């Protein structure tokens, strides 16, 4: 299963570990682990294959290209992360309120 050279594919497609992590939906540390040779779950192998398939707009045009679809995808991934952080902040504020009462 580790026949995928994640680092090579990522670098060939001008992606940082952080960018690939956002696209795949994992942490940067997970990408780092895969690049170090740790096993890649089959569901993640499928996602990697989707991303690095030559038909993928992210890879075909590179994340740093002028393709607006690339920018949209990165922005949407960033927005998703912000929404998750907002949920975490709301939970923490709720906990703090309950402790303060």
N, C-alpha and C. Protein backbone atom coordinates (compact mmCIF):
# COMPACT_ATOMS: atom_id res chain seq x y z
N UNK A 1 0.83 -1.20 0.00
CA UNK A 1 0.00 0.00 0.00
C UNK A 1 0.87 1.26 0.00
N UNK A 2 2.07 1.17 0.50
CA UNK A 2 2.95 2.32 0.54
C UNK A 2 3.76 2.48 -0.74
N UNK A 3 3.24 1.98 -1.84
CA UNK A 3 3.94 2.15 -3.10
C UNK A 3 3.73 3.56 -3.64
N UNK A 4 2.83 4.31 -3.02
CA UNK A 4 2.60 5.69 -3.42
C UNK A 4 3.69 6.56 -2.79
N UNK A 5 4.42 7.27 -3.61
CA UNK A 5 5.43 8.19 -3.09
C UNK A 5 4.77 9.55 -2.94
N UNK A 6 4.18 9.76 -1.78
CA UNK A 6 3.39 10.98 -1.53
C UNK A 6 4.25 12.22 -1.70
N UNK A 7 5.45 12.21 -1.16
CA UNK A 7 6.32 13.39 -1.23
C UNK A 7 6.63 13.74 -2.68
N UNK A 8 6.96 12.74 -3.47
CA UNK A 8 7.29 13.00 -4.88
C UNK A 8 6.08 13.55 -5.63
N UNK A 9 4.92 12.93 -5.46
CA UNK A 9 3.72 13.40 -6.14
C UNK A 9 3.37 14.83 -5.70
N UNK A 10 3.48 15.06 -4.40
CA UNK A 10 3.14 16.38 -3.86
C UNK A 10 4.07 17.44 -4.45
N UNK A 11 5.37 17.16 -4.46
CA UNK A 11 6.34 18.13 -4.96
C UNK A 11 6.20 18.34 -6.46
N UNK A 12 5.96 17.27 -7.20
CA UNK A 12 5.78 17.39 -8.66
C UNK A 12 4.59 18.27 -9.01
N UNK A 13 3.62 18.32 -8.09
CA UNK A 13 2.41 19.09 -8.33
C UNK A 13 2.39 20.40 -7.56
N UNK A 14 3.56 20.78 -7.05
CA UNK A 14 3.75 22.09 -6.40
C UNK A 14 2.77 22.32 -5.25
N UNK A 15 2.60 21.29 -4.43
CA UNK A 15 1.74 21.39 -3.26
C UNK A 15 2.59 21.32 -2.00
N UNK A 16 2.22 22.08 -1.00
CA UNK A 16 2.86 21.95 0.30
C UNK A 16 2.17 20.82 1.06
N UNK A 17 2.77 20.38 2.14
CA UNK A 17 2.12 19.36 2.96
C UNK A 17 0.78 19.88 3.47
N UNK A 18 0.75 21.13 3.86
CA UNK A 18 -0.48 21.74 4.39
C UNK A 18 -1.58 21.77 3.32
N UNK A 19 -1.22 22.16 2.10
CA UNK A 19 -2.21 22.21 1.02
C UNK A 19 -2.77 20.83 0.72
N UNK A 20 -1.88 19.84 0.63
CA UNK A 20 -2.35 18.47 0.35
C UNK A 20 -3.22 17.97 1.49
N UNK A 21 -2.82 18.27 2.71
CA UNK A 21 -3.61 17.84 3.87
C UNK A 21 -5.03 18.40 3.81
N UNK A 22 -5.15 19.69 3.46
CA UNK A 22 -6.48 20.31 3.35
C UNK A 22 -7.30 19.65 2.25
N UNK A 23 -6.67 19.39 1.14
CA UNK A 23 -7.38 18.79 0.01
C UNK A 23 -7.87 17.39 0.35
N UNK A 24 -7.01 16.61 1.00
CA UNK A 24 -7.33 15.22 1.35
C UNK A 24 -8.26 15.16 2.56
N UNK A 25 -8.17 16.16 3.43
CA UNK A 25 -8.99 16.17 4.64
C UNK A 25 -8.31 15.48 5.82
N UNK A 26 -6.98 15.61 5.88
CA UNK A 26 -6.21 15.05 6.99
C UNK A 26 -5.31 16.15 7.55
N UNK A 27 -4.57 15.84 8.60
CA UNK A 27 -3.65 16.82 9.16
C UNK A 27 -2.34 16.84 8.39
N UNK A 28 -1.59 17.93 8.56
CA UNK A 28 -0.27 18.02 7.94
C UNK A 28 0.63 16.92 8.49
N UNK A 29 0.47 16.62 9.78
CA UNK A 29 1.27 15.56 10.39
C UNK A 29 1.01 14.22 9.72
N UNK A 30 -0.23 13.98 9.33
CA UNK A 30 -0.55 12.73 8.63
C UNK A 30 0.20 12.64 7.31
N UNK A 31 0.21 13.74 6.57
CA UNK A 31 0.96 13.77 5.30
C UNK A 31 2.43 13.51 5.58
N UNK A 32 2.96 14.15 6.61
CA UNK A 32 4.36 13.97 7.00
C UNK A 32 4.65 12.50 7.33
N UNK A 33 3.72 11.87 8.06
CA UNK A 33 3.88 10.46 8.41
C UNK A 33 3.89 9.57 7.17
N UNK A 34 2.97 9.84 6.24
CA UNK A 34 2.92 9.04 5.01
C UNK A 34 4.22 9.19 4.23
N UNK A 35 4.73 10.43 4.18
CA UNK A 35 5.97 10.69 3.45
C UNK A 35 7.16 9.99 4.12
N UNK A 36 7.04 9.73 5.42
CA UNK A 36 8.09 9.03 6.15
C UNK A 36 7.95 7.51 6.04
N UNK A 37 6.91 7.05 5.33
CA UNK A 37 6.74 5.62 5.10
C UNK A 37 5.70 4.93 5.95
N UNK A 38 4.96 5.69 6.76
CA UNK A 38 3.90 5.07 7.57
C UNK A 38 2.79 4.58 6.64
N UNK A 39 2.05 3.54 7.08
CA UNK A 39 0.99 2.99 6.23
C UNK A 39 -0.10 4.03 5.92
N UNK A 40 -0.62 3.93 4.71
CA UNK A 40 -1.70 4.82 4.27
C UNK A 40 -2.98 4.00 4.22
N UNK A 41 -4.03 4.41 4.96
CA UNK A 41 -5.29 3.68 4.92
C UNK A 41 -5.87 3.65 3.50
N UNK A 42 -6.60 2.59 3.19
CA UNK A 42 -7.12 2.43 1.83
C UNK A 42 -8.02 3.59 1.41
N UNK A 43 -8.81 4.14 2.35
CA UNK A 43 -9.67 5.27 1.98
C UNK A 43 -8.83 6.48 1.59
N UNK A 44 -7.70 6.66 2.26
CA UNK A 44 -6.81 7.77 1.92
C UNK A 44 -6.08 7.51 0.61
N UNK A 45 -5.77 6.26 0.34
CA UNK A 45 -5.15 5.92 -0.95
C UNK A 45 -6.10 6.31 -2.07
N UNK A 46 -7.39 6.04 -1.87
CA UNK A 46 -8.37 6.41 -2.90
C UNK A 46 -8.43 7.92 -3.08
N UNK A 47 -8.38 8.67 -1.98
CA UNK A 47 -8.40 10.13 -2.08
C UNK A 47 -7.15 10.65 -2.78
N UNK A 48 -6.00 10.06 -2.44
CA UNK A 48 -4.75 10.46 -3.10
C UNK A 48 -4.82 10.19 -4.60
N UNK A 49 -5.37 9.03 -4.95
CA UNK A 49 -5.52 8.70 -6.37
C UNK A 49 -6.42 9.70 -7.07
N UNK A 50 -7.48 10.13 -6.40
CA UNK A 50 -8.38 11.12 -6.99
C UNK A 50 -7.65 12.44 -7.21
N UNK A 51 -6.90 12.87 -6.20
CA UNK A 51 -6.20 14.15 -6.28
C UNK A 51 -5.12 14.12 -7.36
N UNK A 52 -4.37 13.02 -7.40
CA UNK A 52 -3.24 12.98 -8.32
C UNK A 52 -3.59 12.35 -9.67
N UNK A 53 -4.85 12.08 -9.89
CA UNK A 53 -5.31 11.61 -11.19
C UNK A 53 -5.11 12.76 -12.17
N UNK A 54 -4.61 12.49 -13.32
CA UNK A 54 -4.29 13.56 -14.28
C UNK A 54 -5.52 14.38 -14.65
N UNK A 55 -6.72 13.83 -14.45
CA UNK A 55 -7.92 14.59 -14.76
C UNK A 55 -8.33 15.56 -13.67
N UNK A 56 -7.65 15.51 -12.53
CA UNK A 56 -8.00 16.38 -11.43
C UNK A 56 -7.60 17.81 -11.73
N UNK A 57 -8.54 18.77 -11.65
CA UNK A 57 -8.18 20.16 -11.93
C UNK A 57 -7.12 20.69 -10.99
N UNK A 58 -7.08 20.19 -9.74
CA UNK A 58 -6.06 20.67 -8.80
C UNK A 58 -4.67 20.32 -9.27
N UNK A 59 -4.52 19.11 -9.78
CA UNK A 59 -3.20 18.66 -10.17
C UNK A 59 -2.89 19.06 -11.60
N UNK A 60 -3.85 18.96 -12.47
CA UNK A 60 -3.61 19.26 -13.88
C UNK A 60 -3.12 20.69 -14.07
N UNK A 61 -3.62 21.60 -13.25
CA UNK A 61 -3.26 23.01 -13.41
C UNK A 61 -2.38 23.52 -12.28
N UNK A 62 -2.10 22.67 -11.30
CA UNK A 62 -1.29 23.01 -10.14
C UNK A 62 -1.96 24.07 -9.27
N UNK A 63 -1.77 23.91 -7.99
CA UNK A 63 -2.39 24.79 -7.01
C UNK A 63 -1.93 26.24 -7.17
N UNK A 64 -0.73 26.44 -7.74
CA UNK A 64 -0.20 27.78 -7.88
C UNK A 64 -0.53 28.38 -9.24
N UNK A 65 -1.28 27.65 -10.05
CA UNK A 65 -1.62 28.14 -11.38
C UNK A 65 -2.65 29.25 -11.34
N UNK A 66 -3.08 29.68 -12.49
CA UNK A 66 -4.05 30.77 -12.58
C UNK A 66 -5.48 30.27 -12.63
N UNK A 67 -5.69 29.01 -12.50
CA UNK A 67 -7.02 28.42 -12.58
C UNK A 67 -7.85 28.85 -11.38
N UNK A 68 -8.98 29.48 -11.62
CA UNK A 68 -9.80 29.97 -10.50
C UNK A 68 -10.40 28.81 -9.73
N UNK A 69 -10.56 27.66 -10.39
CA UNK A 69 -11.10 26.50 -9.68
C UNK A 69 -10.14 26.06 -8.58
N UNK A 70 -8.84 26.16 -8.84
CA UNK A 70 -7.84 25.83 -7.82
C UNK A 70 -7.99 26.75 -6.62
N UNK A 71 -8.07 28.02 -6.89
CA UNK A 71 -8.21 29.01 -5.81
C UNK A 71 -9.48 28.76 -5.03
N UNK A 72 -10.57 28.47 -5.74
CA UNK A 72 -11.85 28.20 -5.09
C UNK A 72 -11.74 27.01 -4.16
N UNK A 73 -11.07 25.96 -4.61
CA UNK A 73 -10.93 24.76 -3.79
C UNK A 73 -10.14 25.04 -2.53
N UNK A 74 -9.06 25.76 -2.66
CA UNK A 74 -8.24 26.10 -1.49
C UNK A 74 -9.02 26.99 -0.54
N UNK A 75 -9.73 27.98 -1.07
CA UNK A 75 -10.52 28.89 -0.25
C UNK A 75 -11.62 28.11 0.48
N UNK A 76 -12.29 27.21 -0.22
CA UNK A 76 -13.35 26.42 0.42
C UNK A 76 -12.78 25.54 1.53
N UNK A 77 -11.62 24.95 1.30
CA UNK A 77 -10.98 24.14 2.34
C UNK A 77 -10.63 25.01 3.55
N UNK A 78 -10.15 26.21 3.29
CA UNK A 78 -9.82 27.14 4.37
C UNK A 78 -11.07 27.55 5.14
N UNK A 79 -12.14 27.84 4.43
CA UNK A 79 -13.41 28.21 5.08
C UNK A 79 -13.92 27.07 5.95
N UNK A 80 -13.81 25.83 5.45
CA UNK A 80 -14.23 24.68 6.24
C UNK A 80 -13.43 24.60 7.54
N UNK A 81 -12.13 24.86 7.45
CA UNK A 81 -11.30 24.84 8.66
C UNK A 81 -11.73 25.93 9.62
N UNK A 82 -12.02 27.12 9.10
CA UNK A 82 -12.45 28.22 9.96
C UNK A 82 -13.77 27.90 10.65
N UNK A 83 -14.69 27.28 9.92
CA UNK A 83 -15.98 26.90 10.50
C UNK A 83 -15.77 25.92 11.65
N UNK A 84 -14.88 24.96 11.45
CA UNK A 84 -14.59 23.99 12.50
C UNK A 84 -13.98 24.68 13.71
N UNK A 85 -13.08 25.62 13.47
CA UNK A 85 -12.47 26.37 14.58
C UNK A 85 -13.54 27.18 15.32
N UNK A 86 -14.48 27.78 14.58
CA UNK A 86 -15.56 28.54 15.20
C UNK A 86 -16.40 27.63 16.11
N UNK A 87 -16.68 26.42 15.67
CA UNK A 87 -17.44 25.47 16.48
C UNK A 87 -16.67 25.15 17.76
N UNK A 88 -15.36 24.95 17.64
CA UNK A 88 -14.55 24.66 18.82
C UNK A 88 -14.55 25.83 19.78
N UNK A 89 -14.45 27.04 19.26
CA UNK A 89 -14.46 28.24 20.10
C UNK A 89 -15.80 28.37 20.81
N UNK A 90 -16.90 28.13 20.09
CA UNK A 90 -18.23 28.20 20.71
C UNK A 90 -18.36 27.18 21.83
N UNK A 91 -17.84 25.97 21.63
CA UNK A 91 -17.90 24.96 22.68
C UNK A 91 -17.10 25.40 23.90
N UNK A 92 -15.91 25.95 23.67
CA UNK A 92 -15.09 26.42 24.79
C UNK A 92 -15.76 27.57 25.53
N UNK A 93 -16.37 28.49 24.80
CA UNK A 93 -17.07 29.60 25.45
C UNK A 93 -18.24 29.08 26.29
N UNK A 94 -18.93 28.08 25.79
CA UNK A 94 -20.02 27.47 26.56
C UNK A 94 -19.52 26.84 27.85
N UNK A 95 -18.40 26.16 27.77
CA UNK A 95 -17.80 25.55 28.96
C UNK A 95 -17.40 26.62 29.95
N UNK A 96 -16.79 27.69 29.47
CA UNK A 96 -16.35 28.78 30.34
C UNK A 96 -17.56 29.44 31.01
N UNK A 97 -18.63 29.64 30.25
CA UNK A 97 -19.85 30.22 30.83
C UNK A 97 -20.40 29.35 31.94
N UNK A 98 -20.43 28.03 31.70
CA UNK A 98 -20.96 27.11 32.71
C UNK A 98 -20.08 27.11 33.96
N UNK A 99 -18.79 27.21 33.80
CA UNK A 99 -17.89 27.24 34.95
C UNK A 99 -18.05 28.54 35.73
N UNK A 100 -18.29 29.63 35.01
CA UNK A 100 -18.42 30.95 35.63
C UNK A 100 -19.69 31.10 36.45
N UNK A 101 -20.68 30.28 36.18
CA UNK A 101 -21.98 30.41 36.88
C UNK A 101 -21.96 29.84 38.25
